[in-house]
């Protein structure tokens, strides 16, 4: 050995000095889900094409292929499980009408819950922390404790080992 020390590789999820590829993916997924939700809410006649939204907001940007692919995965699992996730948000957000939750906060919750339950390679604590960090950038300060509370409650209801969408047990 030449005496040159190499730093241990810190996973990007835990390295505070750099914006991780996963964070960029989550931001792109948030923007895509937000745009989709806004168009769906306003669509009376026109059909909303999620592939067109993904193309414009994810794939036409100059980002790494892995960033785009993970963003698309998050969008897809979010939309596939949207109704189940929505039911859990309603059950968990006591005294909050789902229509009172801002579009940004709903999109954040949808994505975080989808990732929490469908991406076993990502620790739940990381998912919750990332959602809070995205809320700091894209939402209001008042939203942070609400998002944290909903995600923590859903995590507790499903249990630590549940990593795919299913109804929590009614114990």
C-alpha atoms as a PDB file:
ATOM      1  CA  UNK A   1       0.000   0.000   0.000  1.00  0.00           C
ATOM      2  CA  UNK A   2       1.229   3.448  -0.801  1.00  0.00           C
ATOM      3  CA  UNK A   3      -0.180   4.982   2.350  1.00  0.00           C
ATOM      4  CA  UNK A   4      -2.946   6.755   0.462  1.00  0.00           C
ATOM      5  CA  UNK A   5      -6.145   6.475   2.401  1.00  0.00           C
ATOM      6  CA  UNK A   6      -9.445   6.256   0.645  1.00  0.00           C
ATOM      7  CA  UNK A   7     -12.580   7.415   2.307  1.00  0.00           C
ATOM      8  CA  UNK A   8     -15.229   4.847   2.949  1.00  0.00           C
ATOM      9  CA  UNK A   9     -18.014   5.208   0.439  1.00  0.00           C
ATOM     10  CA  UNK A  10     -20.897   6.942   2.131  1.00  0.00           C
ATOM     11  CA  UNK A  11     -24.215   6.093   0.528  1.00  0.00           C
ATOM     12  CA  UNK A  12     -25.598   9.150  -1.229  1.00  0.00           C
ATOM     13  CA  UNK A  13     -28.733   8.905   0.919  1.00  0.00           C
ATOM     14  CA  UNK A  14     -26.642   9.739   3.993  1.00  0.00           C
ATOM     15  CA  UNK A  15     -24.072  12.132   2.541  1.00  0.00           C
ATOM     16  CA  UNK A  16     -25.257  15.639   3.437  1.00  0.00           C
ATOM     17  CA  UNK A  17     -22.651  17.334   1.238  1.00  0.00           C
ATOM     18  CA  UNK A  18     -24.186  16.372  -2.059  1.00  0.00           C
ATOM     19  CA  UNK A  19     -27.647  16.286  -3.470  1.00  0.00           C
ATOM     20  CA  UNK A  20     -28.160  12.622  -4.137  1.00  0.00           C
ATOM     21  CA  UNK A  21     -29.383  11.161  -7.367  1.00  0.00           C
ATOM     22  CA  UNK A  22     -32.319   9.754  -5.413  1.00  0.00           C
ATOM     23  CA  UNK A  23     -33.188  13.238  -4.138  1.00  0.00           C
ATOM     24  CA  UNK A  24     -33.145  14.519  -7.717  1.00  0.00           C
ATOM     25  CA  UNK A  25     -35.357  11.599  -8.716  1.00  0.00           C
ATOM     26  CA  UNK A  26     -37.794  12.383  -5.915  1.00  0.00           C
ATOM     27  CA  UNK A  27     -37.911  16.042  -6.961  1.00  0.00           C
ATOM     28  CA  UNK A  28     -38.681  15.052 -10.551  1.00  0.00           C
ATOM     29  CA  UNK A  29     -41.321  12.580  -9.360  1.00  0.00           C
ATOM     30  CA  UNK A  30     -42.862  15.283  -7.158  1.00  0.00           C
ATOM     31  CA  UNK A  31     -43.043  17.731 -10.041  1.00  0.00           C
ATOM     32  CA  UNK A  32     -44.534  15.057 -12.305  1.00  0.00           C
ATOM     33  CA  UNK A  33     -47.173  13.893  -9.818  1.00  0.00           C
ATOM     34  CA  UNK A  34     -48.024  17.513  -9.018  1.00  0.00           C
ATOM     35  CA  UNK A  35     -48.456  18.346 -12.719  1.00  0.00           C
ATOM     36  CA  UNK A  36     -50.519  15.205 -13.246  1.00  0.00           C
ATOM     37  CA  UNK A  37     -52.774  15.966 -10.255  1.00  0.00           C
ATOM     38  CA  UNK A  38     -53.296  19.539 -11.405  1.00  0.00           C
ATOM     39  CA  UNK A  39     -54.273  18.381 -14.885  1.00  0.00           C
ATOM     40  CA  UNK A  40     -56.527  15.599 -13.607  1.00  0.00           C
ATOM     41  CA  UNK A  41     -58.303  18.005 -11.263  1.00  0.00           C
ATOM     42  CA  UNK A  42     -58.864  20.449 -14.106  1.00  0.00           C
ATOM     43  CA  UNK A  43     -59.622  17.889 -16.820  1.00  0.00           C
ATOM     44  CA  UNK A  44     -63.227  17.761 -17.854  1.00  0.00           C
ATOM     45  CA  UNK A  45     -62.945  16.883 -21.514  1.00  0.00           C
ATOM     46  CA  UNK A  46     -59.277  16.254 -22.223  1.00  0.00           C
ATOM     47  CA  UNK A  47     -57.656  12.997 -21.230  1.00  0.00           C
ATOM     48  CA  UNK A  48     -54.500  13.423 -19.194  1.00  0.00           C
ATOM     49  CA  UNK A  49     -51.533  11.557 -20.638  1.00  0.00           C
ATOM     50  CA  UNK A  50     -49.053  10.696 -17.885  1.00  0.00           C
ATOM     51  CA  UNK A  51     -46.501   9.523 -20.462  1.00  0.00           C
ATOM     52  CA  UNK A  52     -46.482  12.989 -22.031  1.00  0.00           C
ATOM     53  CA  UNK A  53     -46.012  14.578 -18.593  1.00  0.00           C
ATOM     54  CA  UNK A  54     -43.172  12.159 -17.757  1.00  0.00           C
ATOM     55  CA  UNK A  55     -41.538  12.865 -21.109  1.00  0.00           C
ATOM     56  CA  UNK A  56     -41.649  16.630 -20.532  1.00  0.00           C
ATOM     57  CA  UNK A  57     -40.677  16.679 -16.856  1.00  0.00           C
ATOM     58  CA  UNK A  58     -38.304  13.728 -16.569  1.00  0.00           C
ATOM     59  CA  UNK A  59     -36.877  12.493 -19.825  1.00  0.00           C
ATOM     60  CA  UNK A  60     -36.300  15.727 -21.727  1.00  0.00           C
ATOM     61  CA  UNK A  61     -34.133  17.092 -18.931  1.00  0.00           C
ATOM     62  CA  UNK A  62     -30.413  16.570 -18.949  1.00  0.00           C
ATOM     63  CA  UNK A  63     -30.229  14.178 -15.985  1.00  0.00           C
ATOM     64  CA  UNK A  64     -28.487  10.871 -15.494  1.00  0.00           C
ATOM     65  CA  UNK A  65     -30.322   7.855 -16.818  1.00  0.00           C
ATOM     66  CA  UNK A  66     -30.500   6.369 -13.304  1.00  0.00           C
ATOM     67  CA  UNK A  67     -32.121   9.570 -11.987  1.00  0.00           C
ATOM     68  CA  UNK A  68     -34.770   9.518 -14.710  1.00  0.00           C
ATOM     69  CA  UNK A  69     -35.421   5.802 -14.260  1.00  0.00           C
ATOM     70  CA  UNK A  70     -35.916   6.066 -10.484  1.00  0.00           C
ATOM     71  CA  UNK A  71     -38.150   9.115 -10.925  1.00  0.00           C
ATOM     72  CA  UNK A  72     -40.264   7.173 -13.406  1.00  0.00           C
ATOM     73  CA  UNK A  73     -40.420   4.202 -11.014  1.00  0.00           C
ATOM     74  CA  UNK A  74     -41.680   6.478  -8.233  1.00  0.00           C
ATOM     75  CA  UNK A  75     -44.297   8.027 -10.515  1.00  0.00           C
ATOM     76  CA  UNK A  76     -45.476   4.625 -11.717  1.00  0.00           C
ATOM     77  CA  UNK A  77     -45.771   3.007  -8.264  1.00  0.00           C
ATOM     78  CA  UNK A  78     -47.460   6.139  -6.952  1.00  0.00           C
ATOM     79  CA  UNK A  79     -50.110   6.153  -9.661  1.00  0.00           C
ATOM     80  CA  UNK A  80     -50.601   2.366  -9.515  1.00  0.00           C
ATOM     81  CA  UNK A  81     -51.365   2.572  -5.779  1.00  0.00           C
ATOM     82  CA  UNK A  82     -52.982   6.012  -5.673  1.00  0.00           C
ATOM     83  CA  UNK A  83     -56.404   4.916  -4.395  1.00  0.00           C
ATOM     84  CA  UNK A  84     -55.012   2.714  -1.611  1.00  0.00           C
ATOM     85  CA  UNK A  85     -52.594   5.452  -0.597  1.00  0.00           C
ATOM     86  CA  UNK A  86     -55.367   8.044  -0.667  1.00  0.00           C
ATOM     87  CA  UNK A  87     -57.495   5.906   1.685  1.00  0.00           C
ATOM     88  CA  UNK A  88     -54.610   5.634   4.137  1.00  0.00           C
ATOM     89  CA  UNK A  89     -53.959   9.371   4.048  1.00  0.00           C
ATOM     90  CA  UNK A  90     -57.651   9.992   4.800  1.00  0.00           C
ATOM     91  CA  UNK A  91     -57.620   7.480   7.694  1.00  0.00           C
ATOM     92  CA  UNK A  92     -54.404   8.902   9.116  1.00  0.00           C
ATOM     93  CA  UNK A  93     -54.888  12.634   8.729  1.00  0.00           C
ATOM     94  CA  UNK A  94     -57.317  13.124  11.590  1.00  0.00           C
ATOM     95  CA  UNK A  95     -59.508  16.194  11.379  1.00  0.00           C
ATOM     96  CA  UNK A  96     -58.230  16.999   7.890  1.00  0.00           C
ATOM     97  CA  UNK A  97     -60.411  16.849   4.832  1.00  0.00           C
ATOM     98  CA  UNK A  98     -58.277  15.436   2.006  1.00  0.00           C
ATOM     99  CA  UNK A  99     -59.362  18.365  -0.171  1.00  0.00           C
ATOM    100  CA  UNK A 100     -57.796  20.784   2.332  1.00  0.00           C
ATOM    101  CA  UNK A 101     -54.348  19.252   1.891  1.00  0.00           C
ATOM    102  CA  UNK A 102     -52.361  21.234  -0.652  1.00  0.00           C
ATOM    103  CA  UNK A 103     -51.573  19.612  -3.991  1.00  0.00           C
ATOM    104  CA  UNK A 104     -47.853  19.728  -3.199  1.00  0.00           C
ATOM    105  CA  UNK A 105     -48.325  18.047   0.174  1.00  0.00           C
ATOM    106  CA  UNK A 106     -50.583  15.367  -1.328  1.00  0.00           C
ATOM    107  CA  UNK A 107     -48.023  14.657  -4.030  1.00  0.00           C
ATOM    108  CA  UNK A 108     -45.267  14.433  -1.397  1.00  0.00           C
ATOM    109  CA  UNK A 109     -47.333  12.043   0.695  1.00  0.00           C
ATOM    110  CA  UNK A 110     -48.312   9.871  -2.270  1.00  0.00           C
ATOM    111  CA  UNK A 111     -44.714   9.492  -3.414  1.00  0.00           C
ATOM    112  CA  UNK A 112     -43.293   8.888   0.063  1.00  0.00           C
ATOM    113  CA  UNK A 113     -45.917   6.291   0.941  1.00  0.00           C
ATOM    114  CA  UNK A 114     -45.464   4.519  -2.389  1.00  0.00           C
ATOM    115  CA  UNK A 115     -41.689   4.470  -1.893  1.00  0.00           C
ATOM    116  CA  UNK A 116     -41.988   3.433   1.748  1.00  0.00           C
ATOM    117  CA  UNK A 117     -44.106   0.430   0.864  1.00  0.00           C
ATOM    118  CA  UNK A 118     -42.636  -0.615  -2.481  1.00  0.00           C
ATOM    119  CA  UNK A 119     -38.903   0.043  -2.288  1.00  0.00           C
ATOM    120  CA  UNK A 120     -37.426  -2.271   0.344  1.00  0.00           C
ATOM    121  CA  UNK A 121     -33.891  -1.124  -0.504  1.00  0.00           C
ATOM    122  CA  UNK A 122     -34.679   2.328   0.931  1.00  0.00           C
ATOM    123  CA  UNK A 123     -34.998   2.519   4.733  1.00  0.00           C
ATOM    124  CA  UNK A 124     -38.299   3.956   5.952  1.00  0.00           C
ATOM    125  CA  UNK A 125     -36.439   6.618   7.954  1.00  0.00           C
ATOM    126  CA  UNK A 126     -34.744   7.781   4.755  1.00  0.00           C
ATOM    127  CA  UNK A 127     -38.071   7.984   2.925  1.00  0.00           C
ATOM    128  CA  UNK A 128     -39.614  10.073   5.712  1.00  0.00           C
ATOM    129  CA  UNK A 129     -36.549  12.322   5.990  1.00  0.00           C
ATOM    130  CA  UNK A 130     -36.470  12.854   2.222  1.00  0.00           C
ATOM    131  CA  UNK A 131     -40.161  13.773   2.200  1.00  0.00           C
ATOM    132  CA  UNK A 132     -39.516  16.312   4.953  1.00  0.00           C
ATOM    133  CA  UNK A 133     -36.563  17.765   3.047  1.00  0.00           C
ATOM    134  CA  UNK A 134     -38.677  18.062  -0.101  1.00  0.00           C
ATOM    135  CA  UNK A 135     -41.381  19.756   1.965  1.00  0.00           C
ATOM    136  CA  UNK A 136     -38.780  22.268   3.166  1.00  0.00           C
ATOM    137  CA  UNK A 137     -37.987  23.087  -0.474  1.00  0.00           C
ATOM    138  CA  UNK A 138     -41.418  22.909  -2.085  1.00  0.00           C
ATOM    139  CA  UNK A 139     -44.013  23.429   0.639  1.00  0.00           C
ATOM    140  CA  UNK A 140     -44.639  25.523   3.725  1.00  0.00           C
ATOM    141  CA  UNK A 141     -43.104  25.257   7.185  1.00  0.00           C
ATOM    142  CA  UNK A 142     -46.544  24.335   8.534  1.00  0.00           C
ATOM    143  CA  UNK A 143     -46.639  21.292   6.266  1.00  0.00           C
ATOM    144  CA  UNK A 144     -43.505  19.677   7.677  1.00  0.00           C
ATOM    145  CA  UNK A 145     -44.971  18.394  10.973  1.00  0.00           C
ATOM    146  CA  UNK A 146     -48.163  17.321   9.185  1.00  0.00           C
ATOM    147  CA  UNK A 147     -46.257  15.302   6.559  1.00  0.00           C
ATOM    148  CA  UNK A 148     -43.983  13.814   9.223  1.00  0.00           C
ATOM    149  CA  UNK A 149     -46.979  12.835  11.373  1.00  0.00           C
ATOM    150  CA  UNK A 150     -48.915  11.210   8.540  1.00  0.00           C
ATOM    151  CA  UNK A 151     -45.898   9.234   7.298  1.00  0.00           C
ATOM    152  CA  UNK A 152     -44.897   8.146  10.794  1.00  0.00           C
ATOM    153  CA  UNK A 153     -48.453   7.046  11.555  1.00  0.00           C
ATOM    154  CA  UNK A 154     -48.772   5.077   8.311  1.00  0.00           C
ATOM    155  CA  UNK A 155     -45.424   3.435   8.961  1.00  0.00           C
ATOM    156  CA  UNK A 156     -46.590   2.383  12.434  1.00  0.00           C
ATOM    157  CA  UNK A 157     -49.909   1.056  11.107  1.00  0.00           C
ATOM    158  CA  UNK A 158     -48.250  -1.098   8.473  1.00  0.00           C
ATOM    159  CA  UNK A 159     -45.480  -2.261  10.725  1.00  0.00           C
ATOM    160  CA  UNK A 160     -41.750  -2.034  10.167  1.00  0.00           C
ATOM    161  CA  UNK A 161     -41.527  -5.070   7.926  1.00  0.00           C
ATOM    162  CA  UNK A 162     -44.403  -4.302   5.543  1.00  0.00           C
ATOM    163  CA  UNK A 163     -42.821  -3.233   2.295  1.00  0.00           C
ATOM    164  CA  UNK A 164     -45.606  -3.542  -0.235  1.00  0.00           C
ATOM    165  CA  UNK A 165     -49.040  -1.996  -0.515  1.00  0.00           C
ATOM    166  CA  UNK A 166     -51.619  -3.907   1.461  1.00  0.00           C
ATOM    167  CA  UNK A 167     -54.199  -3.013   4.005  1.00  0.00           C
ATOM    168  CA  UNK A 168     -52.759  -2.759   7.517  1.00  0.00           C
ATOM    169  CA  UNK A 169     -54.059  -5.219  10.068  1.00  0.00           C
ATOM    170  CA  UNK A 170     -56.818  -3.943  12.314  1.00  0.00           C
ATOM    171  CA  UNK A 171     -55.243  -4.961  15.621  1.00  0.00           C
END
